[in-house]
């Protein structure tokens, strides 16, 4: 019984470490297109069914810019306008003066909408 528990513990640890290291490699970069963004994704975790996007103005983090959630179909690029003001839930960047730094977080969600990875990236707007 002890051997079986030890093997099960080792198996669980191996699965956890493999998922964690893979999710840790999840990456995103983006470029501005007017007030929307185009995203390029790398190493999206296996089992991802949806991507949830959230934007924060790092200069005014209390302002909720929101984002959006889309179905993930193995695409490496999310085109400009997919996450936009017209899609609901997203307020475009609008710094009151000068440039602000905006951070996008992209959450990989599995079939149960459990978070299995997160990637973050930031840029100034306007550039």
N, C-alpha and C. Protein backbone atom coordinates (compact mmCIF):
# COMPACT_ATOMS: atom_id res chain seq x y z
N UNK A 1 0.83 -1.19 0.00
CA UNK A 1 0.00 0.00 0.00
C UNK A 1 0.87 1.25 0.00
N UNK A 2 1.96 1.25 0.79
CA UNK A 2 2.86 2.41 0.84
C UNK A 2 3.49 2.65 -0.52
N UNK A 3 3.89 1.55 -1.19
CA UNK A 3 4.50 1.68 -2.51
C UNK A 3 3.52 2.30 -3.51
N UNK A 4 2.27 1.85 -3.45
CA UNK A 4 1.28 2.38 -4.37
C UNK A 4 1.02 3.86 -4.10
N UNK A 5 0.94 4.27 -2.85
CA UNK A 5 0.75 5.69 -2.52
C UNK A 5 1.95 6.51 -2.98
N UNK A 6 3.15 5.99 -2.79
CA UNK A 6 4.36 6.70 -3.22
C UNK A 6 4.37 6.87 -4.73
N UNK A 7 3.98 5.80 -5.47
CA UNK A 7 3.94 5.89 -6.94
C UNK A 7 2.88 6.89 -7.38
N UNK A 8 1.73 6.87 -6.73
CA UNK A 8 0.66 7.80 -7.07
C UNK A 8 1.08 9.24 -6.78
N UNK A 9 1.74 9.45 -5.65
CA UNK A 9 2.24 10.79 -5.31
C UNK A 9 3.25 11.27 -6.33
N UNK A 10 4.15 10.38 -6.74
CA UNK A 10 5.16 10.73 -7.74
C UNK A 10 4.50 11.05 -9.08
N UNK A 11 3.50 10.25 -9.46
CA UNK A 11 2.79 10.50 -10.71
C UNK A 11 2.08 11.85 -10.66
N UNK A 12 1.40 12.15 -9.57
CA UNK A 12 0.71 13.45 -9.43
C UNK A 12 1.70 14.60 -9.49
N UNK A 13 2.83 14.46 -8.83
CA UNK A 13 3.86 15.50 -8.84
C UNK A 13 4.41 15.69 -10.25
N UNK A 14 4.65 14.61 -10.97
CA UNK A 14 5.16 14.69 -12.34
C UNK A 14 4.17 15.40 -13.25
N UNK A 15 2.90 15.03 -13.16
CA UNK A 15 1.87 15.69 -13.98
C UNK A 15 1.81 17.16 -13.64
N UNK A 16 1.81 17.51 -12.35
CA UNK A 16 1.75 18.91 -11.93
C UNK A 16 2.95 19.69 -12.46
N UNK A 17 4.15 19.13 -12.31
CA UNK A 17 5.35 19.84 -12.78
C UNK A 17 5.35 20.00 -14.29
N UNK A 18 4.90 18.98 -15.01
CA UNK A 18 4.85 19.09 -16.48
C UNK A 18 3.85 20.17 -16.90
N UNK A 19 2.68 20.21 -16.27
CA UNK A 19 1.69 21.23 -16.60
C UNK A 19 2.21 22.61 -16.21
N UNK A 20 2.82 22.72 -15.04
CA UNK A 20 3.30 24.02 -14.56
C UNK A 20 4.40 24.56 -15.47
N UNK A 21 5.34 23.70 -15.86
CA UNK A 21 6.43 24.20 -16.71
C UNK A 21 5.90 24.57 -18.08
N UNK A 22 4.93 23.81 -18.58
CA UNK A 22 4.39 24.14 -19.90
C UNK A 22 3.61 25.46 -19.83
N UNK A 23 2.77 25.61 -18.79
CA UNK A 23 2.00 26.85 -18.63
C UNK A 23 2.93 28.04 -18.42
N UNK A 24 4.07 27.81 -17.77
CA UNK A 24 5.01 28.90 -17.51
C UNK A 24 5.63 29.41 -18.81
N UNK A 25 5.65 28.58 -19.86
CA UNK A 25 6.20 28.99 -21.15
C UNK A 25 5.19 29.77 -22.00
N UNK A 26 3.95 29.82 -21.57
CA UNK A 26 2.89 30.53 -22.29
C UNK A 26 3.30 31.98 -22.45
N UNK A 27 3.28 32.49 -23.67
CA UNK A 27 3.70 33.86 -23.90
C UNK A 27 2.76 34.62 -24.82
N UNK A 28 2.78 35.93 -24.68
CA UNK A 28 1.97 36.79 -25.53
C UNK A 28 2.73 38.08 -25.80
N UNK A 29 2.59 38.57 -27.02
CA UNK A 29 3.08 39.90 -27.40
C UNK A 29 1.93 40.56 -28.14
N UNK A 30 1.94 41.89 -28.15
CA UNK A 30 0.87 42.56 -28.88
C UNK A 30 1.37 43.84 -29.52
N UNK A 31 0.61 44.30 -30.49
CA UNK A 31 0.86 45.60 -31.10
C UNK A 31 -0.48 46.33 -31.16
N UNK A 32 -0.41 47.64 -31.03
CA UNK A 32 -1.62 48.45 -31.08
C UNK A 32 -2.07 48.62 -32.53
N UNK A 33 -3.36 48.59 -32.74
CA UNK A 33 -3.97 48.96 -34.01
C UNK A 33 -5.12 49.88 -33.62
N UNK A 34 -4.86 51.16 -33.76
CA UNK A 34 -5.77 52.18 -33.24
C UNK A 34 -5.99 51.92 -31.75
N UNK A 35 -7.22 51.63 -31.36
CA UNK A 35 -7.52 51.45 -29.94
C UNK A 35 -7.74 49.99 -29.57
N UNK A 36 -7.44 49.12 -30.49
CA UNK A 36 -7.52 47.69 -30.24
C UNK A 36 -6.10 47.13 -30.27
N UNK A 37 -5.98 45.82 -30.23
CA UNK A 37 -4.66 45.20 -30.24
C UNK A 37 -4.69 43.91 -31.04
N UNK A 38 -3.54 43.60 -31.63
CA UNK A 38 -3.33 42.30 -32.26
C UNK A 38 -2.40 41.52 -31.35
N UNK A 39 -2.75 40.28 -31.06
CA UNK A 39 -1.99 39.46 -30.12
C UNK A 39 -1.32 38.31 -30.86
N UNK A 40 -0.08 38.01 -30.47
CA UNK A 40 0.64 36.85 -30.96
C UNK A 40 0.94 35.96 -29.77
N UNK A 41 0.49 34.70 -29.86
CA UNK A 41 0.58 33.76 -28.75
C UNK A 41 1.64 32.70 -29.01
N UNK A 42 2.31 32.27 -27.95
CA UNK A 42 3.26 31.16 -28.03
C UNK A 42 3.01 30.20 -26.87
N UNK A 43 3.21 28.93 -27.15
CA UNK A 43 3.12 27.88 -26.13
C UNK A 43 1.85 27.93 -25.30
N UNK A 44 0.71 28.06 -25.97
CA UNK A 44 -0.57 28.05 -25.27
C UNK A 44 -0.70 26.66 -24.62
N UNK A 45 -1.06 26.60 -23.33
CA UNK A 45 -1.14 25.31 -22.63
C UNK A 45 -2.10 24.33 -23.30
N UNK A 46 -1.69 23.06 -23.30
CA UNK A 46 -2.57 22.00 -23.82
C UNK A 46 -3.86 22.00 -23.02
N UNK A 47 -4.96 21.77 -23.71
CA UNK A 47 -6.26 21.72 -23.05
C UNK A 47 -6.96 23.07 -23.00
N UNK A 48 -6.34 24.11 -23.56
CA UNK A 48 -6.97 25.44 -23.56
C UNK A 48 -8.19 25.42 -24.48
N UNK A 49 -9.32 25.87 -23.95
CA UNK A 49 -10.57 25.97 -24.71
C UNK A 49 -10.97 27.42 -24.95
N UNK A 50 -10.59 28.30 -24.01
CA UNK A 50 -10.93 29.72 -24.11
C UNK A 50 -9.74 30.56 -23.68
N UNK A 51 -9.72 31.79 -24.16
CA UNK A 51 -8.73 32.78 -23.74
C UNK A 51 -9.48 33.97 -23.17
N UNK A 52 -9.10 34.38 -21.97
CA UNK A 52 -9.71 35.56 -21.34
C UNK A 52 -8.65 36.66 -21.34
N UNK A 53 -9.01 37.82 -21.88
CA UNK A 53 -8.11 38.96 -21.99
C UNK A 53 -8.55 40.04 -21.00
N UNK A 54 -7.57 40.65 -20.30
CA UNK A 54 -7.84 41.76 -19.38
C UNK A 54 -6.73 42.79 -19.55
N UNK A 55 -7.13 44.07 -19.61
CA UNK A 55 -6.15 45.14 -19.76
C UNK A 55 -6.19 46.06 -18.55
N UNK A 56 -4.99 46.47 -18.09
CA UNK A 56 -4.85 47.38 -16.96
C UNK A 56 -3.91 48.50 -17.37
N UNK A 57 -4.28 49.71 -17.01
CA UNK A 57 -3.40 50.87 -17.18
C UNK A 57 -2.50 50.88 -15.95
N UNK A 58 -1.22 50.59 -16.14
CA UNK A 58 -0.30 50.51 -15.00
C UNK A 58 -0.08 51.86 -14.33
N UNK A 59 -0.40 52.95 -15.03
CA UNK A 59 -0.28 54.28 -14.43
C UNK A 59 -1.52 54.64 -13.61
N UNK A 60 -2.65 54.02 -13.92
CA UNK A 60 -3.90 54.23 -13.17
C UNK A 60 -4.57 52.86 -13.01
N UNK A 61 -4.01 51.97 -12.18
CA UNK A 61 -4.52 50.60 -12.10
C UNK A 61 -5.94 50.48 -11.54
N UNK A 62 -6.45 51.53 -10.92
CA UNK A 62 -7.81 51.47 -10.37
C UNK A 62 -8.87 51.59 -11.46
N UNK A 63 -8.48 52.05 -12.67
CA UNK A 63 -9.46 52.16 -13.76
C UNK A 63 -9.58 50.80 -14.42
N UNK A 64 -10.81 50.27 -14.49
CA UNK A 64 -11.06 48.95 -15.06
C UNK A 64 -11.26 49.07 -16.57
N UNK A 65 -10.28 48.61 -17.34
CA UNK A 65 -10.41 48.62 -18.81
C UNK A 65 -11.09 47.37 -19.33
N UNK A 66 -11.24 46.36 -18.49
CA UNK A 66 -11.93 45.15 -18.90
C UNK A 66 -11.18 44.37 -19.96
N UNK A 67 -11.93 43.71 -20.83
CA UNK A 67 -11.34 42.88 -21.87
C UNK A 67 -12.40 42.05 -22.53
N UNK A 68 -12.15 40.77 -22.66
CA UNK A 68 -13.10 39.88 -23.30
C UNK A 68 -12.61 38.45 -23.27
N UNK A 69 -13.50 37.53 -23.59
CA UNK A 69 -13.18 36.11 -23.63
C UNK A 69 -13.56 35.56 -25.00
N UNK A 70 -12.66 34.75 -25.56
CA UNK A 70 -12.93 34.16 -26.88
C UNK A 70 -12.67 32.66 -26.82
N UNK A 71 -13.27 31.93 -27.75
CA UNK A 71 -12.97 30.51 -27.90
C UNK A 71 -11.59 30.37 -28.52
N UNK A 72 -10.84 29.39 -28.06
CA UNK A 72 -9.50 29.14 -28.59
C UNK A 72 -9.54 27.93 -29.51
N UNK A 73 -9.08 28.13 -30.74
CA UNK A 73 -9.08 27.06 -31.73
C UNK A 73 -7.68 26.88 -32.32
N UNK A 74 -6.69 26.89 -31.45
CA UNK A 74 -5.28 26.69 -31.82
C UNK A 74 -4.68 27.81 -32.66
N UNK A 75 -5.32 28.97 -32.68
CA UNK A 75 -4.76 30.08 -33.43
C UNK A 75 -3.55 30.66 -32.70
N UNK A 76 -2.58 31.12 -33.45
CA UNK A 76 -1.37 31.74 -32.89
C UNK A 76 -1.49 33.25 -32.87
N UNK A 77 -2.46 33.79 -33.61
CA UNK A 77 -2.66 35.24 -33.68
C UNK A 77 -4.12 35.57 -33.46
N UNK A 78 -4.36 36.58 -32.65
CA UNK A 78 -5.71 37.12 -32.43
C UNK A 78 -5.71 38.48 -33.11
N UNK A 79 -6.54 38.63 -34.12
CA UNK A 79 -6.53 39.83 -34.96
C UNK A 79 -7.04 41.07 -34.26
N UNK A 80 -6.63 42.20 -34.80
CA UNK A 80 -7.11 43.50 -34.34
C UNK A 80 -8.63 43.51 -34.36
N UNK A 81 -9.21 44.09 -33.34
CA UNK A 81 -10.65 44.25 -33.30
C UNK A 81 -11.41 43.10 -32.67
N UNK A 82 -10.77 41.94 -32.47
CA UNK A 82 -11.47 40.83 -31.82
C UNK A 82 -11.82 41.22 -30.39
N UNK A 83 -10.87 41.84 -29.69
CA UNK A 83 -11.15 42.42 -28.38
C UNK A 83 -11.27 43.92 -28.62
N UNK A 84 -12.50 44.41 -28.59
CA UNK A 84 -12.73 45.82 -28.91
C UNK A 84 -13.89 46.37 -28.11
N UNK A 85 -14.04 47.68 -28.16
CA UNK A 85 -15.14 48.34 -27.43
C UNK A 85 -16.49 47.84 -27.93
N UNK A 86 -16.60 47.56 -29.23
CA UNK A 86 -17.88 47.12 -29.77
C UNK A 86 -18.22 45.68 -29.37
N UNK A 87 -17.22 44.89 -28.94
CA UNK A 87 -17.50 43.52 -28.53
C UNK A 87 -17.98 43.46 -27.08
N UNK A 88 -17.96 44.60 -26.40
CA UNK A 88 -18.47 44.67 -25.02
C UNK A 88 -17.43 44.32 -23.99
N UNK A 89 -17.45 45.00 -22.86
CA UNK A 89 -16.56 44.68 -21.76
C UNK A 89 -15.17 45.25 -21.84
N UNK A 90 -14.85 45.99 -22.89
CA UNK A 90 -13.50 46.52 -23.06
C UNK A 90 -13.57 48.02 -23.28
N UNK A 91 -12.80 48.75 -22.49
CA UNK A 91 -12.67 50.20 -22.66
C UNK A 91 -11.27 50.47 -23.20
N UNK A 92 -11.16 51.02 -24.40
CA UNK A 92 -9.85 51.26 -25.02
C UNK A 92 -8.98 52.21 -24.20
N UNK A 93 -7.68 52.21 -24.49
CA UNK A 93 -6.77 53.12 -23.79
C UNK A 93 -7.12 54.57 -24.12
N UNK A 94 -7.07 55.42 -23.11
CA UNK A 94 -7.35 56.85 -23.33
C UNK A 94 -6.67 57.66 -22.23
N UNK A 95 -5.34 57.67 -22.24
CA UNK A 95 -4.65 58.41 -21.19
C UNK A 95 -5.00 59.90 -21.25
N UNK A 96 -5.24 60.51 -20.09
CA UNK A 96 -5.63 61.92 -20.07
C UNK A 96 -4.53 62.86 -20.56
N UNK A 97 -3.28 62.45 -20.38
CA UNK A 97 -2.17 63.27 -20.88
C UNK A 97 -0.94 62.37 -21.04
N UNK A 98 -0.20 62.59 -22.09
CA UNK A 98 1.01 61.80 -22.32
C UNK A 98 0.71 60.35 -22.60
N UNK A 99 1.73 59.53 -22.48
CA UNK A 99 1.59 58.09 -22.73
C UNK A 99 1.49 57.35 -21.41
N UNK A 100 0.67 56.32 -21.38
CA UNK A 100 0.56 55.43 -20.23
C UNK A 100 1.01 54.04 -20.66
N UNK A 101 1.40 53.23 -19.70
CA UNK A 101 1.77 51.85 -19.97
C UNK A 101 0.58 50.95 -19.66
N UNK A 102 0.20 50.15 -20.66
CA UNK A 102 -0.94 49.25 -20.53
C UNK A 102 -0.45 47.82 -20.53
N UNK A 103 -1.00 47.02 -19.59
CA UNK A 103 -0.62 45.62 -19.50
C UNK A 103 -1.82 44.74 -19.85
N UNK A 104 -1.58 43.83 -20.79
CA UNK A 104 -2.58 42.82 -21.12
C UNK A 104 -2.21 41.52 -20.40
N UNK A 105 -3.19 40.90 -19.78
CA UNK A 105 -3.05 39.56 -19.23
C UNK A 105 -3.96 38.66 -20.05
N UNK A 106 -3.42 37.51 -20.46
CA UNK A 106 -4.20 36.53 -21.22
C UNK A 106 -4.22 35.25 -20.40
N UNK A 107 -5.43 34.81 -20.04
CA UNK A 107 -5.62 33.64 -19.22
C UNK A 107 -6.09 32.48 -20.10
N UNK A 108 -5.38 31.36 -20.05
CA UNK A 108 -5.79 30.15 -20.75
C UNK A 108 -6.75 29.40 -19.83
N UNK A 109 -7.93 29.06 -20.35
CA UNK A 109 -8.96 28.38 -19.57
C UNK A 109 -9.24 27.01 -20.18
N UNK A 110 -9.43 26.00 -19.34
CA UNK A 110 -9.75 24.66 -19.84
C UNK A 110 -11.25 24.53 -20.06
N UNK A 111 -11.71 23.31 -20.34
CA UNK A 111 -13.13 23.08 -20.65
C UNK A 111 -14.06 23.44 -19.50
N UNK A 112 -13.54 23.42 -18.26
CA UNK A 112 -14.33 23.80 -17.09
C UNK A 112 -14.14 25.26 -16.72
N UNK A 113 -13.45 26.01 -17.59
CA UNK A 113 -13.11 27.42 -17.41
C UNK A 113 -12.20 27.64 -16.20
N UNK A 114 -11.40 26.61 -15.90
CA UNK A 114 -10.37 26.71 -14.87
C UNK A 114 -9.11 27.27 -15.52
N UNK A 115 -8.45 28.19 -14.84
CA UNK A 115 -7.22 28.80 -15.36
C UNK A 115 -6.09 27.78 -15.36
N UNK A 116 -5.48 27.58 -16.54
CA UNK A 116 -4.37 26.64 -16.64
C UNK A 116 -3.07 27.32 -17.09
N UNK A 117 -3.13 28.62 -17.31
CA UNK A 117 -1.93 29.37 -17.66
C UNK A 117 -2.26 30.84 -17.80
N UNK A 118 -1.25 31.67 -17.64
CA UNK A 118 -1.42 33.11 -17.81
C UNK A 118 -0.16 33.67 -18.45
N UNK A 119 -0.36 34.62 -19.35
CA UNK A 119 0.76 35.32 -19.99
C UNK A 119 0.47 36.81 -19.90
N UNK A 120 1.52 37.61 -19.72
CA UNK A 120 1.35 39.06 -19.59
C UNK A 120 2.35 39.79 -20.48
N UNK A 121 1.92 40.96 -20.94
CA UNK A 121 2.79 41.80 -21.76
C UNK A 121 2.30 43.24 -21.63
N UNK A 122 3.20 44.19 -21.86
CA UNK A 122 2.81 45.59 -21.73
C UNK A 122 3.50 46.46 -22.78
N UNK A 123 2.86 47.59 -23.07
CA UNK A 123 3.38 48.60 -24.01
C UNK A 123 2.79 49.95 -23.64
N UNK A 124 3.43 50.96 -24.13
CA UNK A 124 2.92 52.33 -23.95
C UNK A 124 1.86 52.63 -25.00
N UNK A 125 0.93 53.51 -24.65
CA UNK A 125 -0.05 54.04 -25.60
C UNK A 125 -0.27 55.50 -25.26
N UNK A 126 -0.16 56.41 -26.23
CA UNK A 126 0.32 56.12 -27.59
C UNK A 126 1.81 55.87 -27.59
N UNK A 127 2.27 55.21 -28.64
CA UNK A 127 3.69 54.90 -28.75
C UNK A 127 4.41 56.02 -29.48
